[in-house]
Amino acid sequence: MRSADLLDQFDSFADVAKVAPRPLLMIAGTEAVTRGFSEKAVADSPGNAELFLVEGATHVDLYDRDQYVTPAVAKLVEFFSKHLA
């Protein structure tokens, strides 16, 4: 972005429908304040969309806490193996 003002107006979920028909995987913690964004993205996707929830994790926990990262990575491996094979 060219400015903070433009960045503040950017909505990364506005065009989620354009992802379809490609598969979409959203991963969120059940305790994440941002979980609603992932739920909305999946709900707004007209195609093959999936929400994977990591029990007990906050948004930040998914960055570097092994107990939460491990199931997220396992899901990513499963997802990419299925859709990129």
C-alpha atoms as a PDB file:
ATOM      1  CA  MET A   1       0.000   0.000   0.000  1.00  0.00           C
ATOM      2  CA  ARG A   2       1.074   3.548  -0.619  1.00  0.00           C
ATOM      3  CA  SER A   3      -0.207   5.047   2.611  1.00  0.00           C
ATOM      4  CA  ALA A   4      -1.558   4.211   6.049  1.00  0.00           C
ATOM      5  CA  ASP A   5      -4.905   5.666   4.976  1.00  0.00           C
ATOM      6  CA  LEU A   6      -5.175   3.235   2.058  1.00  0.00           C
ATOM      7  CA  LEU A   7      -4.055   0.371   4.275  1.00  0.00           C
ATOM      8  CA  ASP A   8      -6.776   1.189   6.797  1.00  0.00           C
ATOM      9  CA  GLN A   9      -9.376   0.926   4.034  1.00  0.00           C
ATOM     10  CA  PHE A  10      -8.107  -2.382   2.624  1.00  0.00           C
ATOM     11  CA  ASP A  11     -10.475  -5.326   3.106  1.00  0.00           C
ATOM     12  CA  SER A  12      -8.680  -8.585   2.369  1.00  0.00           C
ATOM     13  CA  PHE A  13     -11.945 -10.529   2.625  1.00  0.00           C
ATOM     14  CA  ALA A  14     -13.995  -8.376   0.260  1.00  0.00           C
ATOM     15  CA  ASP A  15     -13.284 -10.571  -2.751  1.00  0.00           C
ATOM     16  CA  VAL A  16     -13.152 -13.996  -1.108  1.00  0.00           C
ATOM     17  CA  ALA A  17     -15.781 -15.225  -3.575  1.00  0.00           C
ATOM     18  CA  LYS A  18     -13.210 -14.818  -6.348  1.00  0.00           C
ATOM     19  CA  VAL A  19     -11.124 -17.618  -4.809  1.00  0.00           C
ATOM     20  CA  ALA A  20     -13.727 -20.192  -5.873  1.00  0.00           C
ATOM     21  CA  PRO A  21     -13.637 -22.736  -7.366  1.00  0.00           C
ATOM     22  CA  ARG A  22     -10.194 -23.152  -5.835  1.00  0.00           C
ATOM     23  CA  PRO A  23     -10.174 -24.811  -2.412  1.00  0.00           C
ATOM     24  CA  LEU A  24      -9.957 -22.486   0.571  1.00  0.00           C
ATOM     25  CA  LEU A  25      -8.737 -23.492   4.021  1.00  0.00           C
ATOM     26  CA  MET A  26      -8.995 -21.111   6.941  1.00  0.00           C
ATOM     27  CA  ILE A  27      -7.365 -22.041  10.241  1.00  0.00           C
ATOM     28  CA  ALA A  28      -8.377 -20.297  13.454  1.00  0.00           C
ATOM     29  CA  GLY A  29      -8.160 -20.863  17.167  1.00  0.00           C
ATOM     30  CA  THR A  30     -11.388 -21.389  19.054  1.00  0.00           C
ATOM     31  CA  GLU A  31     -10.338 -18.576  21.409  1.00  0.00           C
ATOM     32  CA  ALA A  32      -9.080 -16.210  18.684  1.00  0.00           C
ATOM     33  CA  VAL A  33     -10.609 -12.751  18.608  1.00  0.00           C
ATOM     34  CA  THR A  34     -10.129 -12.929  14.826  1.00  0.00           C
ATOM     35  CA  ARG A  35     -12.048 -16.202  14.461  1.00  0.00           C
ATOM     36  CA  GLY A  36     -15.072 -14.371  13.066  1.00  0.00           C
ATOM     37  CA  PHE A  37     -13.070 -13.212  10.041  1.00  0.00           C
ATOM     38  CA  SER A  38     -12.271 -16.825   9.153  1.00  0.00           C
ATOM     39  CA  GLU A  39     -15.864 -17.905   9.703  1.00  0.00           C
ATOM     40  CA  LYS A  40     -17.116 -15.093   7.476  1.00  0.00           C
ATOM     41  CA  ALA A  41     -14.601 -15.918   4.726  1.00  0.00           C
ATOM     42  CA  VAL A  42     -15.760 -19.530   4.657  1.00  0.00           C
ATOM     43  CA  ALA A  43     -19.416 -18.509   4.758  1.00  0.00           C
ATOM     44  CA  ASP A  44     -18.922 -16.001   1.922  1.00  0.00           C
ATOM     45  CA  SER A  45     -17.046 -18.451  -0.280  1.00  0.00           C
ATOM     46  CA  PRO A  46     -19.273 -20.023  -2.906  1.00  0.00           C
ATOM     47  CA  GLY A  47     -16.881 -22.875  -3.470  1.00  0.00           C
ATOM     48  CA  ASN A  48     -14.890 -25.510  -1.705  1.00  0.00           C
ATOM     49  CA  ALA A  49     -14.158 -23.785   1.634  1.00  0.00           C
ATOM     50  CA  GLU A  50     -13.293 -25.288   4.986  1.00  0.00           C
ATOM     51  CA  LEU A  51     -12.732 -23.876   8.455  1.00  0.00           C
ATOM     52  CA  PHE A  52     -10.368 -25.787  10.738  1.00  0.00           C
ATOM     53  CA  LEU A  53     -10.543 -24.787  14.388  1.00  0.00           C
ATOM     54  CA  VAL A  54      -7.682 -25.414  16.784  1.00  0.00           C
ATOM     55  CA  GLU A  55      -9.198 -26.031  20.192  1.00  0.00           C
ATOM     56  CA  GLY A  56      -8.136 -23.563  22.877  1.00  0.00           C
ATOM     57  CA  ALA A  57      -5.842 -21.495  20.658  1.00  0.00           C
ATOM     58  CA  THR A  58      -5.837 -17.714  20.401  1.00  0.00           C
ATOM     59  CA  HIS A  59      -4.750 -15.897  17.251  1.00  0.00           C
ATOM     60  CA  VAL A  60      -1.202 -15.426  18.554  1.00  0.00           C
ATOM     61  CA  ASP A  61      -0.928 -18.996  19.889  1.00  0.00           C
ATOM     62  CA  LEU A  62      -0.978 -20.221  16.311  1.00  0.00           C
ATOM     63  CA  TYR A  63       2.290 -18.400  15.585  1.00  0.00           C
ATOM     64  CA  ASP A  64       4.635 -20.399  17.774  1.00  0.00           C
ATOM     65  CA  ARG A  65       3.048 -22.593  20.445  1.00  0.00           C
ATOM     66  CA  ASP A  66       3.751 -26.182  19.466  1.00  0.00           C
ATOM     67  CA  GLN A  67       0.571 -27.560  21.024  1.00  0.00           C
ATOM     68  CA  TYR A  68      -1.460 -25.390  18.656  1.00  0.00           C
ATOM     69  CA  VAL A  69       0.852 -25.205  15.655  1.00  0.00           C
ATOM     70  CA  THR A  70       1.184 -28.994  15.375  1.00  0.00           C
ATOM     71  CA  PRO A  71      -2.496 -29.697  14.581  1.00  0.00           C
ATOM     72  CA  ALA A  72      -2.594 -26.698  12.230  1.00  0.00           C
ATOM     73  CA  VAL A  73       0.430 -27.977  10.296  1.00  0.00           C
ATOM     74  CA  ALA A  74      -1.041 -31.481  10.163  1.00  0.00           C
ATOM     75  CA  LYS A  75      -4.210 -30.005   8.648  1.00  0.00           C
ATOM     76  CA  LEU A  76      -2.164 -28.027   6.113  1.00  0.00           C
ATOM     77  CA  VAL A  77      -0.300 -31.173   5.061  1.00  0.00           C
ATOM     78  CA  GLU A  78      -3.610 -33.027   4.634  1.00  0.00           C
ATOM     79  CA  PHE A  79      -5.165 -30.121   2.711  1.00  0.00           C
ATOM     80  CA  PHE A  80      -2.218 -29.584   0.350  1.00  0.00           C
ATOM     81  CA  SER A  81      -1.758 -33.336  -0.204  1.00  0.00           C
ATOM     82  CA  LYS A  82      -5.382 -33.588  -1.270  1.00  0.00           C
ATOM     83  CA  HIS A  83      -5.624 -30.464  -3.389  1.00  0.00           C
ATOM     84  CA  LEU A  84      -2.138 -30.174  -4.905  1.00  0.00           C
ATOM     85  CA  ALA A  85      -1.469 -33.832  -5.610  1.00  0.00           C
END
